[in-house]
Amino acid sequence: MQPQGPNPPPRRLIAAELVMVGCAVLGLAVMATIGLIIYERVPFTPERRQLFRSRMEAERQQKREQQEALPWR
């Protein structure tokens, strides 16, 4: 049974597209699995969360000071 239409795509093109989509889905699944493994092994405890927040706040403060040190045009 041939596909209908004025110019149907060749079977090789359809197969190649299916392979590409399959590889993309497989890659996403692998990345998600690795992320979950890392998340399970490194628990985000309240102490670690506080350390992360303090680092982010220090970076923001540093950027603010750098912006204030710049001369206005």
PDB file of N, CA and C in Angstrom:
ATOM      1  N   MET A   1       0.849  -1.191   0.000  1.00  0.00           N
ATOM      2  CA  MET A   1       0.000   0.000   0.000  1.00  0.00           C
ATOM      3  C   MET A   1       0.883   1.239   0.000  1.00  0.00           C
ATOM      4  N   GLN A   2       0.802   2.015  -1.075  1.00  0.00           N
ATOM      5  CA  GLN A   2       1.616   3.215  -1.200  1.00  0.00           C
ATOM      6  C   GLN A   2       0.943   4.391  -0.506  1.00  0.00           C
ATOM      7  N   PRO A   3       1.750   5.315   0.099  1.00  0.00           N
ATOM      8  CA  PRO A   3       1.150   6.514   0.686  1.00  0.00           C
ATOM      9  C   PRO A   3       0.522   7.386  -0.392  1.00  0.00           C
ATOM     10  N   GLN A   4      -0.587   7.989  -0.048  1.00  0.00           N
ATOM     11  CA  GLN A   4      -1.293   8.851  -0.998  1.00  0.00           C
ATOM     12  C   GLN A   4      -0.681  10.261  -0.967  1.00  0.00           C
ATOM     13  N   GLY A   5      -0.950  11.043  -1.990  1.00  0.00           N
ATOM     14  CA  GLY A   5      -0.482  12.419  -2.059  1.00  0.00           C
ATOM     15  C   GLY A   5       0.274  12.674  -3.329  1.00  0.00           C
ATOM     16  N   PRO A   6       0.490  13.944  -3.636  1.00  0.00           N
ATOM     17  CA  PRO A   6       1.164  14.279  -4.888  1.00  0.00           C
ATOM     18  C   PRO A   6       2.639  13.873  -4.884  1.00  0.00           C
ATOM     19  N   ASN A   7       3.326  13.990  -3.738  1.00  0.00           N
ATOM     20  CA  ASN A   7       4.753  13.670  -3.687  1.00  0.00           C
ATOM     21  C   ASN A   7       5.063  13.062  -2.317  1.00  0.00           C
ATOM     22  N   PRO A   8       4.795  11.764  -2.143  1.00  0.00           N
ATOM     23  CA  PRO A   8       5.024  11.163  -0.818  1.00  0.00           C
ATOM     24  C   PRO A   8       6.509  11.090  -0.489  1.00  0.00           C
ATOM     25  N   PRO A   9       6.892  11.268   0.793  1.00  0.00           N
ATOM     26  CA  PRO A   9       8.317  11.183   1.155  1.00  0.00           C
ATOM     27  C   PRO A   9       8.807   9.746   1.044  1.00  0.00           C
ATOM     28  N   PRO A  10      10.065   9.548   0.660  1.00  0.00           N
ATOM     29  CA  PRO A  10      10.593   8.185   0.540  1.00  0.00           C
ATOM     30  C   PRO A  10      10.672   7.511   1.913  1.00  0.00           C
ATOM     31  N   ARG A  11      10.628   6.184   1.874  1.00  0.00           N
ATOM     32  CA  ARG A  11      10.637   5.414   3.127  1.00  0.00           C
ATOM     33  C   ARG A  11      11.910   5.640   3.929  1.00  0.00           C
ATOM     34  N   ARG A  12      13.032   5.848   3.256  1.00  0.00           N
ATOM     35  CA  ARG A  12      14.290   6.070   3.965  1.00  0.00           C
ATOM     36  C   ARG A  12      14.234   7.343   4.788  1.00  0.00           C
ATOM     37  N   LEU A  13      13.595   8.384   4.242  1.00  0.00           N
ATOM     38  CA  LEU A  13      13.484   9.649   4.970  1.00  0.00           C
ATOM     39  C   LEU A  13      12.624   9.462   6.211  1.00  0.00           C
ATOM     40  N   ILE A  14      11.521   8.739   6.066  1.00  0.00           N
ATOM     41  CA  ILE A  14      10.650   8.478   7.215  1.00  0.00           C
ATOM     42  C   ILE A  14      11.413   7.680   8.270  1.00  0.00           C
ATOM     43  N   ALA A  15      12.177   6.673   7.848  1.00  0.00           N
ATOM     44  CA  ALA A  15      12.948   5.861   8.792  1.00  0.00           C
ATOM     45  C   ALA A  15      14.003   6.716   9.493  1.00  0.00           C
ATOM     46  N   ALA A  16      14.670   7.588   8.739  1.00  0.00           N
ATOM     47  CA  ALA A  16      15.695   8.440   9.340  1.00  0.00           C
ATOM     48  C   ALA A  16      15.084   9.382  10.375  1.00  0.00           C
ATOM     49  N   GLU A  17      13.905   9.934  10.066  1.00  0.00           N
ATOM     50  CA  GLU A  17      13.251  10.823  11.027  1.00  0.00           C
ATOM     51  C   GLU A  17      12.852  10.067  12.290  1.00  0.00           C
ATOM     52  N   LEU A  18      12.366   8.829  12.121  1.00  0.00           N
ATOM     53  CA  LEU A  18      12.011   8.027  13.294  1.00  0.00           C
ATOM     54  C   LEU A  18      13.244   7.723  14.146  1.00  0.00           C
ATOM     55  N   VAL A  19      14.369   7.440  13.508  1.00  0.00           N
ATOM     56  CA  VAL A  19      15.607   7.172  14.241  1.00  0.00           C
ATOM     57  C   VAL A  19      16.039   8.425  15.001  1.00  0.00           C
ATOM     58  N   MET A  20      15.958   9.602  14.366  1.00  0.00           N
ATOM     59  CA  MET A  20      16.353  10.842  15.029  1.00  0.00           C
ATOM     60  C   MET A  20      15.469  11.126  16.239  1.00  0.00           C
ATOM     61  N   VAL A  21      14.167  10.964  16.075  1.00  0.00           N
ATOM     62  CA  VAL A  21      13.249  11.198  17.188  1.00  0.00           C
ATOM     63  C   VAL A  21      13.519  10.198  18.309  1.00  0.00           C
ATOM     64  N   GLY A  22      13.754   8.960  17.951  1.00  0.00           N
ATOM     65  CA  GLY A  22      14.059   7.942  18.957  1.00  0.00           C
ATOM     66  C   GLY A  22      15.325   8.259  19.731  1.00  0.00           C
ATOM     67  N   CYS A  23      16.351   8.711  19.025  1.00  0.00           N
ATOM     68  CA  CYS A  23      17.605   9.076  19.699  1.00  0.00           C
ATOM     69  C   CYS A  23      17.406  10.268  20.625  1.00  0.00           C
ATOM     70  N   ALA A  24      16.607  11.237  20.189  1.00  0.00           N
ATOM     71  CA  ALA A  24      16.348  12.401  21.032  1.00  0.00           C
ATOM     72  C   ALA A  24      15.611  11.992  22.309  1.00  0.00           C
ATOM     73  N   VAL A  25      14.616  11.144  22.173  1.00  0.00           N
ATOM     74  CA  VAL A  25      13.860  10.679  23.348  1.00  0.00           C
ATOM     75  C   VAL A  25      14.771   9.875  24.268  1.00  0.00           C
ATOM     76  N   LEU A  26      15.591   9.013  23.688  1.00  0.00           N
ATOM     77  CA  LEU A  26      16.511   8.217  24.495  1.00  0.00           C
ATOM     78  C   LEU A  26      17.512   9.108  25.226  1.00  0.00           C
ATOM     79  N   GLY A  27      18.021  10.129  24.544  1.00  0.00           N
ATOM     80  CA  GLY A  27      18.956  11.060  25.180  1.00  0.00           C
ATOM     81  C   GLY A  27      18.318  11.792  26.347  1.00  0.00           C
ATOM     82  N   LEU A  28      17.075  12.251  26.162  1.00  0.00           N
ATOM     83  CA  LEU A  28      16.378  12.927  27.260  1.00  0.00           C
ATOM     84  C   LEU A  28      16.159  11.987  28.440  1.00  0.00           C
ATOM     85  N   ALA A  29      15.822  10.744  28.149  1.00  0.00           N
ATOM     86  CA  ALA A  29      15.618   9.767  29.221  1.00  0.00           C
ATOM     87  C   ALA A  29      16.911   9.523  29.986  1.00  0.00           C
ATOM     88  N   VAL A  30      18.025   9.427  29.280  1.00  0.00           N
ATOM     89  CA  VAL A  30      19.318   9.206  29.934  1.00  0.00           C
ATOM     90  C   VAL A  30      19.677  10.409  30.804  1.00  0.00           C
ATOM     91  N   MET A  31      19.487  11.618  30.276  1.00  0.00           N
ATOM     92  CA  MET A  31      19.807  12.813  31.070  1.00  0.00           C
ATOM     93  C   MET A  31      18.929  12.908  32.310  1.00  0.00           C
ATOM     94  N   ALA A  32      17.650  12.587  32.165  1.00  0.00           N
ATOM     95  CA  ALA A  32      16.750  12.621  33.318  1.00  0.00           C
ATOM     96  C   ALA A  32      17.166  11.590  34.357  1.00  0.00           C
ATOM     97  N   THR A  33      17.563  10.410  33.907  1.00  0.00           N
ATOM     98  CA  THR A  33      18.004   9.370  34.840  1.00  0.00           C
ATOM     99  C   THR A  33      19.259   9.805  35.579  1.00  0.00           C
ATOM    100  N   ILE A  34      20.218  10.372  34.867  1.00  0.00           N
ATOM    101  CA  ILE A  34      21.448  10.845  35.512  1.00  0.00           C
ATOM    102  C   ILE A  34      21.115  11.946  36.521  1.00  0.00           C
ATOM    103  N   GLY A  35      20.225  12.854  36.140  1.00  0.00           N
ATOM    104  CA  GLY A  35      19.823  13.914  37.065  1.00  0.00           C
ATOM    105  C   GLY A  35      19.181  13.363  38.322  1.00  0.00           C
ATOM    106  N   LEU A  36      18.323  12.364  38.168  1.00  0.00           N
ATOM    107  CA  LEU A  36      17.685  11.766  39.342  1.00  0.00           C
ATOM    108  C   LEU A  36      18.700  11.051  40.230  1.00  0.00           C
ATOM    109  N   ILE A  37      19.661  10.373  39.619  1.00  0.00           N
ATOM    110  CA  ILE A  37      20.691   9.688  40.413  1.00  0.00           C
ATOM    111  C   ILE A  37      21.499  10.711  41.210  1.00  0.00           C
ATOM    112  N   ILE A  38      21.899  11.803  40.563  1.00  0.00           N
ATOM    113  CA  ILE A  38      22.661  12.835  41.265  1.00  0.00           C
ATOM    114  C   ILE A  38      21.806  13.448  42.371  1.00  0.00           C
ATOM    115  N   TYR A  39      20.539  13.702  42.079  1.00  0.00           N
ATOM    116  CA  TYR A  39      19.650  14.306  43.077  1.00  0.00           C
ATOM    117  C   TYR A  39      19.483  13.383  44.280  1.00  0.00           C
ATOM    118  N   GLU A  40      19.407  12.074  44.047  1.00  0.00           N
ATOM    119  CA  GLU A  40      19.263  11.129  45.152  1.00  0.00           C
ATOM    120  C   GLU A  40      20.533  11.045  45.990  1.00  0.00           C
ATOM    121  N   ARG A  41      21.688  11.119  45.350  1.00  0.00           N
ATOM    122  CA  ARG A  41      22.952  10.963  46.076  1.00  0.00           C
ATOM    123  C   ARG A  41      23.362  12.225  46.812  1.00  0.00           C
ATOM    124  N   VAL A  42      22.948  13.391  46.333  1.00  0.00           N
ATOM    125  CA  VAL A  42      23.334  14.649  46.962  1.00  0.00           C
ATOM    126  C   VAL A  42      22.069  15.307  47.497  1.00  0.00           C
ATOM    127  N   PRO A  43      21.689  14.996  48.730  1.00  0.00           N
ATOM    128  CA  PRO A  43      20.453  15.578  49.251  1.00  0.00           C
ATOM    129  C   PRO A  43      20.591  17.087  49.464  1.00  0.00           C
ATOM    130  N   PHE A  44      19.557  17.803  49.104  1.00  0.00           N
ATOM    131  CA  PHE A  44      19.565  19.263  49.220  1.00  0.00           C
ATOM    132  C   PHE A  44      19.021  19.611  50.602  1.00  0.00           C
ATOM    133  N   THR A  45      19.881  19.494  51.603  1.00  0.00           N
ATOM    134  CA  THR A  45      19.475  19.720  52.990  1.00  0.00           C
ATOM    135  C   THR A  45      19.259  21.208  53.234  1.00  0.00           C
ATOM    136  N   PRO A  46      18.580  21.568  54.323  1.00  0.00           N
ATOM    137  CA  PRO A  46      18.389  22.993  54.629  1.00  0.00           C
ATOM    138  C   PRO A  46      19.700  23.759  54.776  1.00  0.00           C
ATOM    139  N   GLU A  47      20.727  23.107  55.334  1.00  0.00           N
ATOM    140  CA  GLU A  47      22.026  23.793  55.474  1.00  0.00           C
ATOM    141  C   GLU A  47      22.614  24.107  54.105  1.00  0.00           C
ATOM    142  N   ARG A  48      22.523  23.132  53.212  1.00  0.00           N
ATOM    143  CA  ARG A  48      23.052  23.343  51.864  1.00  0.00           C
ATOM    144  C   ARG A  48      22.258  24.415  51.126  1.00  0.00           C
ATOM    145  N   ARG A  49      20.935  24.416  51.320  1.00  0.00           N
ATOM    146  CA  ARG A  49      20.087  25.421  50.692  1.00  0.00           C
ATOM    147  C   ARG A  49      20.457  26.821  51.205  1.00  0.00           C
ATOM    148  N   GLN A  50      20.708  26.943  52.490  1.00  0.00           N
ATOM    149  CA  GLN A  50      21.084  28.241  53.066  1.00  0.00           C
ATOM    150  C   GLN A  50      22.437  28.693  52.511  1.00  0.00           C
ATOM    151  N   LEU A  51      23.381  27.766  52.379  1.00  0.00           N
ATOM    152  CA  LEU A  51      24.689  28.099  51.816  1.00  0.00           C
ATOM    153  C   LEU A  51      24.535  28.599  50.381  1.00  0.00           C
ATOM    154  N   PHE A  52      23.693  27.917  49.595  1.00  0.00           N
ATOM    155  CA  PHE A  52      23.457  28.317  48.212  1.00  0.00           C
ATOM    156  C   PHE A  52      22.849  29.723  48.155  1.00  0.00           C
ATOM    157  N   ARG A  53      21.848  29.981  49.021  1.00  0.00           N
ATOM    158  CA  ARG A  53      21.213  31.299  49.036  1.00  0.00           C
ATOM    159  C   ARG A  53      22.196  32.389  49.426  1.00  0.00           C
ATOM    160  N   SER A  54      23.053  32.108  50.419  1.00  0.00           N
ATOM    161  CA  SER A  54      24.013  33.126  50.843  1.00  0.00           C
ATOM    162  C   SER A  54      25.022  33.406  49.734  1.00  0.00           C
ATOM    163  N   ARG A  55      25.426  32.364  48.991  1.00  0.00           N
ATOM    164  CA  ARG A  55      26.338  32.590  47.863  1.00  0.00           C
ATOM    165  C   ARG A  55      25.684  33.441  46.787  1.00  0.00           C
ATOM    166  N   MET A  56      24.418  33.134  46.465  1.00  0.00           N
ATOM    167  CA  MET A  56      23.713  33.907  45.442  1.00  0.00           C
ATOM    168  C   MET A  56      23.566  35.365  45.883  1.00  0.00           C
ATOM    169  N   GLU A  57      23.258  35.580  47.144  1.00  0.00           N
ATOM    170  CA  GLU A  57      23.105  36.941  47.647  1.00  0.00           C
ATOM    171  C   GLU A  57      24.444  37.686  47.605  1.00  0.00           C
ATOM    172  N   ALA A  58      25.538  36.996  47.923  1.00  0.00           N
ATOM    173  CA  ALA A  58      26.864  37.628  47.857  1.00  0.00           C
ATOM    174  C   ALA A  58      27.192  38.022  46.419  1.00  0.00           C
ATOM    175  N   GLU A  59      26.854  37.163  45.453  1.00  0.00           N
ATOM    176  CA  GLU A  59      27.104  37.505  44.050  1.00  0.00           C
ATOM    177  C   GLU A  59      26.270  38.704  43.623  1.00  0.00           C
ATOM    178  N   ARG A  60      25.000  38.736  44.038  1.00  0.00           N
ATOM    179  CA  ARG A  60      24.146  39.887  43.700  1.00  0.00           C
ATOM    180  C   ARG A  60      24.715  41.172  44.291  1.00  0.00           C
ATOM    181  N   GLN A  61      25.168  41.091  45.554  1.00  0.00           N
ATOM    182  CA  GLN A  61      25.723  42.269  46.214  1.00  0.00           C
ATOM    183  C   GLN A  61      26.979  42.739  45.483  1.00  0.00           C
ATOM    184  N   GLN A  62      27.813  41.806  45.056  1.00  0.00           N
ATOM    185  CA  GLN A  62      29.029  42.164  44.341  1.00  0.00           C
ATOM    186  C   GLN A  62      28.693  42.846  43.013  1.00  0.00           C
ATOM    187  N   LYS A  63      27.713  42.310  42.289  1.00  0.00           N
ATOM    188  CA  LYS A  63      27.307  42.938  41.025  1.00  0.00           C
ATOM    189  C   LYS A  63      26.753  44.329  41.268  1.00  0.00           C
ATOM    190  N   ARG A  64      25.966  44.475  42.338  1.00  0.00           N
ATOM    191  CA  ARG A  64      25.413  45.787  42.673  1.00  0.00           C
ATOM    192  C   ARG A  64      26.530  46.800  42.930  1.00  0.00           C
ATOM    193  N   GLU A  65      27.545  46.371  43.697  1.00  0.00           N
ATOM    194  CA  GLU A  65      28.663  47.269  43.997  1.00  0.00           C
ATOM    195  C   GLU A  65      29.434  47.631  42.732  1.00  0.00           C
ATOM    196  N   GLN A  66      29.597  46.656  41.829  1.00  0.00           N
ATOM    197  CA  GLN A  66      30.291  46.943  40.573  1.00  0.00           C
ATOM    198  C   GLN A  66      29.496  47.938  39.734  1.00  0.00           C
ATOM    199  N   GLN A  67      28.169  47.800  39.702  1.00  0.00           N
ATOM    200  CA  GLN A  67      27.341  48.731  38.935  1.00  0.00           C
ATOM    201  C   GLN A  67      27.420  50.141  39.521  1.00  0.00           C
ATOM    202  N   GLU A  68      27.440  50.220  40.858  1.00  0.00           N
ATOM    203  CA  GLU A  68      27.517  51.535  41.491  1.00  0.00           C
ATOM    204  C   GLU A  68      28.874  52.176  41.266  1.00  0.00           C
ATOM    205  N   ALA A  69      29.933  51.375  41.111  1.00  0.00           N
ATOM    206  CA  ALA A  69      31.273  51.913  40.910  1.00  0.00           C
ATOM    207  C   ALA A  69      31.458  52.455  39.490  1.00  0.00           C
ATOM    208  N   LEU A  70      30.623  52.010  38.558  1.00  0.00           N
ATOM    209  CA  LEU A  70      30.762  52.482  37.176  1.00  0.00           C
ATOM    210  C   LEU A  70      30.334  53.945  37.075  1.00  0.00           C
ATOM    211  N   PRO A  71      31.103  54.749  36.342  1.00  0.00           N
ATOM    212  CA  PRO A  71      30.685  56.148  36.157  1.00  0.00           C
ATOM    213  C   PRO A  71      29.515  56.225  35.177  1.00  0.00           C
ATOM    214  N   TRP A  72      28.566  57.074  35.498  1.00  0.00           N
ATOM    215  CA  TRP A  72      27.412  57.244  34.614  1.00  0.00           C
ATOM    216  C   TRP A  72      27.802  58.090  33.424  1.00  0.00           C
ATOM    217  N   ARG A  73      27.237  57.750  32.275  1.00  0.00           N
ATOM    218  CA  ARG A  73      27.567  58.511  31.054  1.00  0.00           C
ATOM    219  C   ARG A  73      26.792  59.796  31.007  1.00  0.00           C
TER     220      ARG A  73
END
